[in-house]
Amino acid sequence: MSEQDHIANDLQVLARQIDLTIPADCVAGVAANTQLLRGYVNLICGMTLPDTCPPAYEYRP
């Protein structure tokens, strides 16, 4: 089973847990976005912020 097949299978399991139906035509796109978001999660979780870092109360993009 390929990595994409594992991801698609995991997505179907997770979708069933929250009573969500992912159409077959959308599984590849959802899998690609899931991988992209996991990459962002890894980046964020890998950052170390010191306790002295001030909060950004007035953040404006």
PDB file of N, CA and C in Angstrom:
ATOM      1  N   MET A   1       0.849  -1.184   0.000  1.00  0.00           N
ATOM      2  CA  MET A   1       0.000   0.000   0.000  1.00  0.00           C
ATOM      3  C   MET A   1       0.894   1.246   0.000  1.00  0.00           C
ATOM      4  N   SER A   2       0.616   2.192  -0.878  1.00  0.00           N
ATOM      5  CA  SER A   2       1.433   3.395  -0.997  1.00  0.00           C
ATOM      6  C   SER A   2       1.123   4.383   0.132  1.00  0.00           C
ATOM      7  N   GLU A   3       1.989   5.373   0.263  1.00  0.00           N
ATOM      8  CA  GLU A   3       1.792   6.422   1.280  1.00  0.00           C
ATOM      9  C   GLU A   3       0.470   7.155   1.051  1.00  0.00           C
ATOM     10  N   GLN A   4       0.146   7.451  -0.207  1.00  0.00           N
ATOM     11  CA  GLN A   4      -1.115   8.120  -0.527  1.00  0.00           C
ATOM     12  C   GLN A   4      -2.309   7.253  -0.135  1.00  0.00           C
ATOM     13  N   ASP A   5      -2.191   5.952  -0.330  1.00  0.00           N
ATOM     14  CA  ASP A   5      -3.271   5.044   0.062  1.00  0.00           C
ATOM     15  C   ASP A   5      -3.463   5.036   1.574  1.00  0.00           C
ATOM     16  N   HIS A   6      -2.350   5.068   2.311  1.00  0.00           N
ATOM     17  CA  HIS A   6      -2.443   5.124   3.775  1.00  0.00           C
ATOM     18  C   HIS A   6      -3.121   6.413   4.224  1.00  0.00           C
ATOM     19  N   ILE A   7      -2.731   7.521   3.608  1.00  0.00           N
ATOM     20  CA  ILE A   7      -3.313   8.817   3.968  1.00  0.00           C
ATOM     21  C   ILE A   7      -4.803   8.827   3.637  1.00  0.00           C
ATOM     22  N   ALA A   8      -5.152   8.341   2.450  1.00  0.00           N
ATOM     23  CA  ALA A   8      -6.566   8.301   2.057  1.00  0.00           C
ATOM     24  C   ALA A   8      -7.368   7.417   3.007  1.00  0.00           C
ATOM     25  N   ASN A   9      -6.791   6.292   3.414  1.00  0.00           N
ATOM     26  CA  ASN A   9      -7.468   5.406   4.353  1.00  0.00           C
ATOM     27  C   ASN A   9      -7.651   6.101   5.709  1.00  0.00           C
ATOM     28  N   ASP A  10      -6.603   6.767   6.194  1.00  0.00           N
ATOM     29  CA  ASP A  10      -6.700   7.503   7.460  1.00  0.00           C
ATOM     30  C   ASP A  10      -7.773   8.579   7.385  1.00  0.00           C
ATOM     31  N   LEU A  11      -7.842   9.269   6.259  1.00  0.00           N
ATOM     32  CA  LEU A  11      -8.855  10.315   6.094  1.00  0.00           C
ATOM     33  C   LEU A  11     -10.266   9.741   6.155  1.00  0.00           C
ATOM     34  N   GLN A  12     -10.457   8.605   5.517  1.00  0.00           N
ATOM     35  CA  GLN A  12     -11.780   7.985   5.536  1.00  0.00           C
ATOM     36  C   GLN A  12     -12.168   7.567   6.953  1.00  0.00           C
ATOM     37  N   VAL A  13     -11.205   7.055   7.709  1.00  0.00           N
ATOM     38  CA  VAL A  13     -11.472   6.662   9.097  1.00  0.00           C
ATOM     39  C   VAL A  13     -11.839   7.895   9.928  1.00  0.00           C
ATOM     40  N   LEU A  14     -11.040   8.946   9.797  1.00  0.00           N
ATOM     41  CA  LEU A  14     -11.321  10.180  10.544  1.00  0.00           C
ATOM     42  C   LEU A  14     -12.663  10.783  10.139  1.00  0.00           C
ATOM     43  N   ALA A  15     -12.975  10.757   8.856  1.00  0.00           N
ATOM     44  CA  ALA A  15     -14.242  11.303   8.367  1.00  0.00           C
ATOM     45  C   ALA A  15     -15.422  10.531   8.953  1.00  0.00           C
ATOM     46  N   ARG A  16     -15.304   9.211   9.010  1.00  0.00           N
ATOM     47  CA  ARG A  16     -16.386   8.399   9.589  1.00  0.00           C
ATOM     48  C   ARG A  16     -16.602   8.734  11.061  1.00  0.00           C
ATOM     49  N   GLN A  17     -15.516   9.042  11.771  1.00  0.00           N
ATOM     50  CA  GLN A  17     -15.624   9.350  13.188  1.00  0.00           C
ATOM     51  C   GLN A  17     -16.437  10.615  13.448  1.00  0.00           C
ATOM     52  N   ILE A  18     -16.426  11.532  12.501  1.00  0.00           N
ATOM     53  CA  ILE A  18     -17.195  12.770  12.685  1.00  0.00           C
ATOM     54  C   ILE A  18     -18.400  12.831  11.742  1.00  0.00           C
ATOM     55  N   ASP A  19     -18.760  11.680  11.198  1.00  0.00           N
ATOM     56  CA  ASP A  19     -19.925  11.552  10.318  1.00  0.00           C
ATOM     57  C   ASP A  19     -19.834  12.478   9.109  1.00  0.00           C
ATOM     58  N   LEU A  20     -18.668  12.470   8.472  1.00  0.00           N
ATOM     59  CA  LEU A  20     -18.404  13.291   7.295  1.00  0.00           C
ATOM     60  C   LEU A  20     -18.174  12.376   6.101  1.00  0.00           C
ATOM     61  N   THR A  21     -18.761  12.719   4.985  1.00  0.00           N
ATOM     62  CA  THR A  21     -18.548  11.959   3.755  1.00  0.00           C
ATOM     63  C   THR A  21     -17.618  12.748   2.843  1.00  0.00           C
ATOM     64  N   ILE A  22     -16.529  12.118   2.433  1.00  0.00           N
ATOM     65  CA  ILE A  22     -15.602  12.736   1.482  1.00  0.00           C
ATOM     66  C   ILE A  22     -15.831  12.052   0.146  1.00  0.00           C
ATOM     67  N   PRO A  23     -16.343  12.786  -0.847  1.00  0.00           N
ATOM     68  CA  PRO A  23     -16.554  12.172  -2.162  1.00  0.00           C
ATOM     69  C   PRO A  23     -15.234  11.645  -2.736  1.00  0.00           C
ATOM     70  N   ALA A  24     -15.322  10.556  -3.457  1.00  0.00           N
ATOM     71  CA  ALA A  24     -14.126   9.914  -4.017  1.00  0.00           C
ATOM     72  C   ALA A  24     -13.297  10.882  -4.856  1.00  0.00           C
ATOM     73  N   ASP A  25     -13.960  11.786  -5.573  1.00  0.00           N
ATOM     74  CA  ASP A  25     -13.247  12.756  -6.409  1.00  0.00           C
ATOM     75  C   ASP A  25     -12.444  13.763  -5.589  1.00  0.00           C
ATOM     76  N   CYS A  26     -12.773  13.900  -4.318  1.00  0.00           N
ATOM     77  CA  CYS A  26     -12.139  14.913  -3.466  1.00  0.00           C
ATOM     78  C   CYS A  26     -11.051  14.348  -2.563  1.00  0.00           C
ATOM     79  N   VAL A  27     -10.953  13.040  -2.459  1.00  0.00           N
ATOM     80  CA  VAL A  27     -10.014  12.425  -1.514  1.00  0.00           C
ATOM     81  C   VAL A  27      -8.577  12.848  -1.793  1.00  0.00           C
ATOM     82  N   ALA A  28      -8.158  12.867  -3.032  1.00  0.00           N
ATOM     83  CA  ALA A  28      -6.771  13.243  -3.364  1.00  0.00           C
ATOM     84  C   ALA A  28      -6.476  14.675  -2.939  1.00  0.00           C
ATOM     85  N   GLY A  29      -7.393  15.583  -3.181  1.00  0.00           N
ATOM     86  CA  GLY A  29      -7.195  16.981  -2.788  1.00  0.00           C
ATOM     87  C   GLY A  29      -7.183  17.158  -1.281  1.00  0.00           C
ATOM     88  N   VAL A  30      -8.079  16.460  -0.599  1.00  0.00           N
ATOM     89  CA  VAL A  30      -8.120  16.533   0.867  1.00  0.00           C
ATOM     90  C   VAL A  30      -6.822  15.952   1.439  1.00  0.00           C
ATOM     91  N   ALA A  31      -6.346  14.874   0.869  1.00  0.00           N
ATOM     92  CA  ALA A  31      -5.093  14.260   1.325  1.00  0.00           C
ATOM     93  C   ALA A  31      -3.919  15.222   1.111  1.00  0.00           C
ATOM     94  N   ALA A  32      -3.863  15.873  -0.030  1.00  0.00           N
ATOM     95  CA  ALA A  32      -2.779  16.820  -0.310  1.00  0.00           C
ATOM     96  C   ALA A  32      -2.819  17.989   0.664  1.00  0.00           C
ATOM     97  N   ASN A  33      -4.003  18.517   0.933  1.00  0.00           N
ATOM     98  CA  ASN A  33      -4.126  19.628   1.886  1.00  0.00           C
ATOM     99  C   ASN A  33      -3.790  19.189   3.300  1.00  0.00           C
ATOM    100  N   THR A  34      -4.146  17.959   3.644  1.00  0.00           N
ATOM    101  CA  THR A  34      -3.821  17.435   4.964  1.00  0.00           C
ATOM    102  C   THR A  34      -2.315  17.341   5.143  1.00  0.00           C
ATOM    103  N   GLN A  35      -1.620  16.869   4.126  1.00  0.00           N
ATOM    104  CA  GLN A  35      -0.157  16.792   4.196  1.00  0.00           C
ATOM    105  C   GLN A  35       0.451  18.185   4.323  1.00  0.00           C
ATOM    106  N   LEU A  36      -0.062  19.135   3.577  1.00  0.00           N
ATOM    107  CA  LEU A  36       0.432  20.507   3.650  1.00  0.00           C
ATOM    108  C   LEU A  36       0.240  21.076   5.052  1.00  0.00           C
ATOM    109  N   LEU A  37      -0.945  20.872   5.616  1.00  0.00           N
ATOM    110  CA  LEU A  37      -1.228  21.381   6.959  1.00  0.00           C
ATOM    111  C   LEU A  37      -0.381  20.681   8.010  1.00  0.00           C
ATOM    112  N   ARG A  38      -0.127  19.387   7.837  1.00  0.00           N
ATOM    113  CA  ARG A  38       0.752  18.682   8.775  1.00  0.00           C
ATOM    114  C   ARG A  38       2.157  19.273   8.748  1.00  0.00           C
ATOM    115  N   GLY A  39       2.604  19.695   7.573  1.00  0.00           N
ATOM    116  CA  GLY A  39       3.905  20.356   7.473  1.00  0.00           C
ATOM    117  C   GLY A  39       3.934  21.650   8.261  1.00  0.00           C
ATOM    118  N   TYR A  40       2.853  22.429   8.181  1.00  0.00           N
ATOM    119  CA  TYR A  40       2.763  23.665   8.963  1.00  0.00           C
ATOM    120  C   TYR A  40       2.728  23.378  10.455  1.00  0.00           C
ATOM    121  N   VAL A  41       2.003  22.331  10.836  1.00  0.00           N
ATOM    122  CA  VAL A  41       1.942  21.941  12.248  1.00  0.00           C
ATOM    123  C   VAL A  41       3.343  21.597  12.741  1.00  0.00           C
ATOM    124  N   ASN A  42       4.089  20.845  11.956  1.00  0.00           N
ATOM    125  CA  ASN A  42       5.450  20.477  12.355  1.00  0.00           C
ATOM    126  C   ASN A  42       6.341  21.701  12.487  1.00  0.00           C
ATOM    127  N   LEU A  43       6.178  22.674  11.591  1.00  0.00           N
ATOM    128  CA  LEU A  43       6.960  23.909  11.698  1.00  0.00           C
ATOM    129  C   LEU A  43       6.633  24.662  12.981  1.00  0.00           C
ATOM    130  N   ILE A  44       5.354  24.808  13.263  1.00  0.00           N
ATOM    131  CA  ILE A  44       4.933  25.548  14.450  1.00  0.00           C
ATOM    132  C   ILE A  44       5.360  24.833  15.723  1.00  0.00           C
ATOM    133  N   CYS A  45       5.145  23.532  15.764  1.00  0.00           N
ATOM    134  CA  CYS A  45       5.507  22.765  16.964  1.00  0.00           C
ATOM    135  C   CYS A  45       7.019  22.708  17.156  1.00  0.00           C
ATOM    136  N   GLY A  46       7.781  22.881  16.091  1.00  0.00           N
ATOM    137  CA  GLY A  46       9.231  22.845  16.181  1.00  0.00           C
ATOM    138  C   GLY A  46       9.851  24.157  16.627  1.00  0.00           C
ATOM    139  N   MET A  47       9.057  25.213  16.688  1.00  0.00           N
ATOM    140  CA  MET A  47       9.581  26.516  17.108  1.00  0.00           C
ATOM    141  C   MET A  47       9.675  26.571  18.626  1.00  0.00           C
ATOM    142  N   THR A  48      10.757  27.155  19.099  1.00  0.00           N
ATOM    143  CA  THR A  48      10.880  27.370  20.533  1.00  0.00           C
ATOM    144  C   THR A  48      10.729  28.866  20.796  1.00  0.00           C
ATOM    145  N   LEU A  49       9.790  29.183  21.633  1.00  0.00           N
ATOM    146  CA  LEU A  49       9.574  30.575  22.006  1.00  0.00           C
ATOM    147  C   LEU A  49       9.965  30.752  23.463  1.00  0.00           C
ATOM    148  N   PRO A  50      10.780  31.769  23.735  1.00  0.00           N
ATOM    149  CA  PRO A  50      11.156  31.990  25.126  1.00  0.00           C
ATOM    150  C   PRO A  50       9.972  32.519  25.929  1.00  0.00           C
ATOM    151  N   ASP A  51      10.013  32.300  27.227  1.00  0.00           N
ATOM    152  CA  ASP A  51       8.944  32.803  28.098  1.00  0.00           C
ATOM    153  C   ASP A  51       8.891  34.321  28.115  1.00  0.00           C
ATOM    154  N   THR A  52       9.943  34.961  27.666  1.00  0.00           N
ATOM    155  CA  THR A  52       9.997  36.427  27.670  1.00  0.00           C
ATOM    156  C   THR A  52       9.436  37.042  26.391  1.00  0.00           C
ATOM    157  N   CYS A  53       8.949  36.229  25.483  1.00  0.00           N
ATOM    158  CA  CYS A  53       8.392  36.716  24.221  1.00  0.00           C
ATOM    159  C   CYS A  53       7.070  37.425  24.491  1.00  0.00           C
ATOM    160  N   PRO A  54       6.951  38.708  24.106  1.00  0.00           N
ATOM    161  CA  PRO A  54       5.721  39.442  24.406  1.00  0.00           C
ATOM    162  C   PRO A  54       4.564  38.976  23.516  1.00  0.00           C
ATOM    163  N   PRO A  55       3.336  39.000  24.033  1.00  0.00           N
ATOM    164  CA  PRO A  55       2.174  38.630  23.220  1.00  0.00           C
ATOM    165  C   PRO A  55       1.901  39.686  22.154  1.00  0.00           C
ATOM    166  N   ALA A  56       1.294  39.278  21.075  1.00  0.00           N
ATOM    167  CA  ALA A  56       0.956  40.194  19.972  1.00  0.00           C
ATOM    168  C   ALA A  56      -0.518  40.541  20.073  1.00  0.00           C
ATOM    169  N   TYR A  57      -0.857  41.400  20.997  1.00  0.00           N
ATOM    170  CA  TYR A  57      -2.269  41.748  21.205  1.00  0.00           C
ATOM    171  C   TYR A  57      -2.867  42.495  20.026  1.00  0.00           C
ATOM    172  N   GLU A  58      -2.076  43.272  19.349  1.00  0.00           N
ATOM    173  CA  GLU A  58      -2.607  44.134  18.282  1.00  0.00           C
ATOM    174  C   GLU A  58      -2.122  43.691  16.919  1.00  0.00           C
ATOM    175  N   TYR A  59      -2.059  42.389  16.709  1.00  0.00           N
ATOM    176  CA  TYR A  59      -1.591  41.863  15.421  1.00  0.00           C
ATOM    177  C   TYR A  59      -2.562  42.251  14.317  1.00  0.00           C
ATOM    178  N   ARG A  60      -1.994  42.768  13.228  1.00  0.00           N
ATOM    179  CA  ARG A  60      -2.774  43.078  12.038  1.00  0.00           C
ATOM    180  C   ARG A  60      -2.004  42.554  10.846  1.00  0.00           C
ATOM    181  N   PRO A  61      -2.607  41.675  10.081  1.00  0.00           N
ATOM    182  CA  PRO A  61      -1.893  41.121   8.915  1.00  0.00           C
ATOM    183  C   PRO A  61      -1.644  42.166   7.842  1.00  0.00           C
TER     184      PRO A  61
END
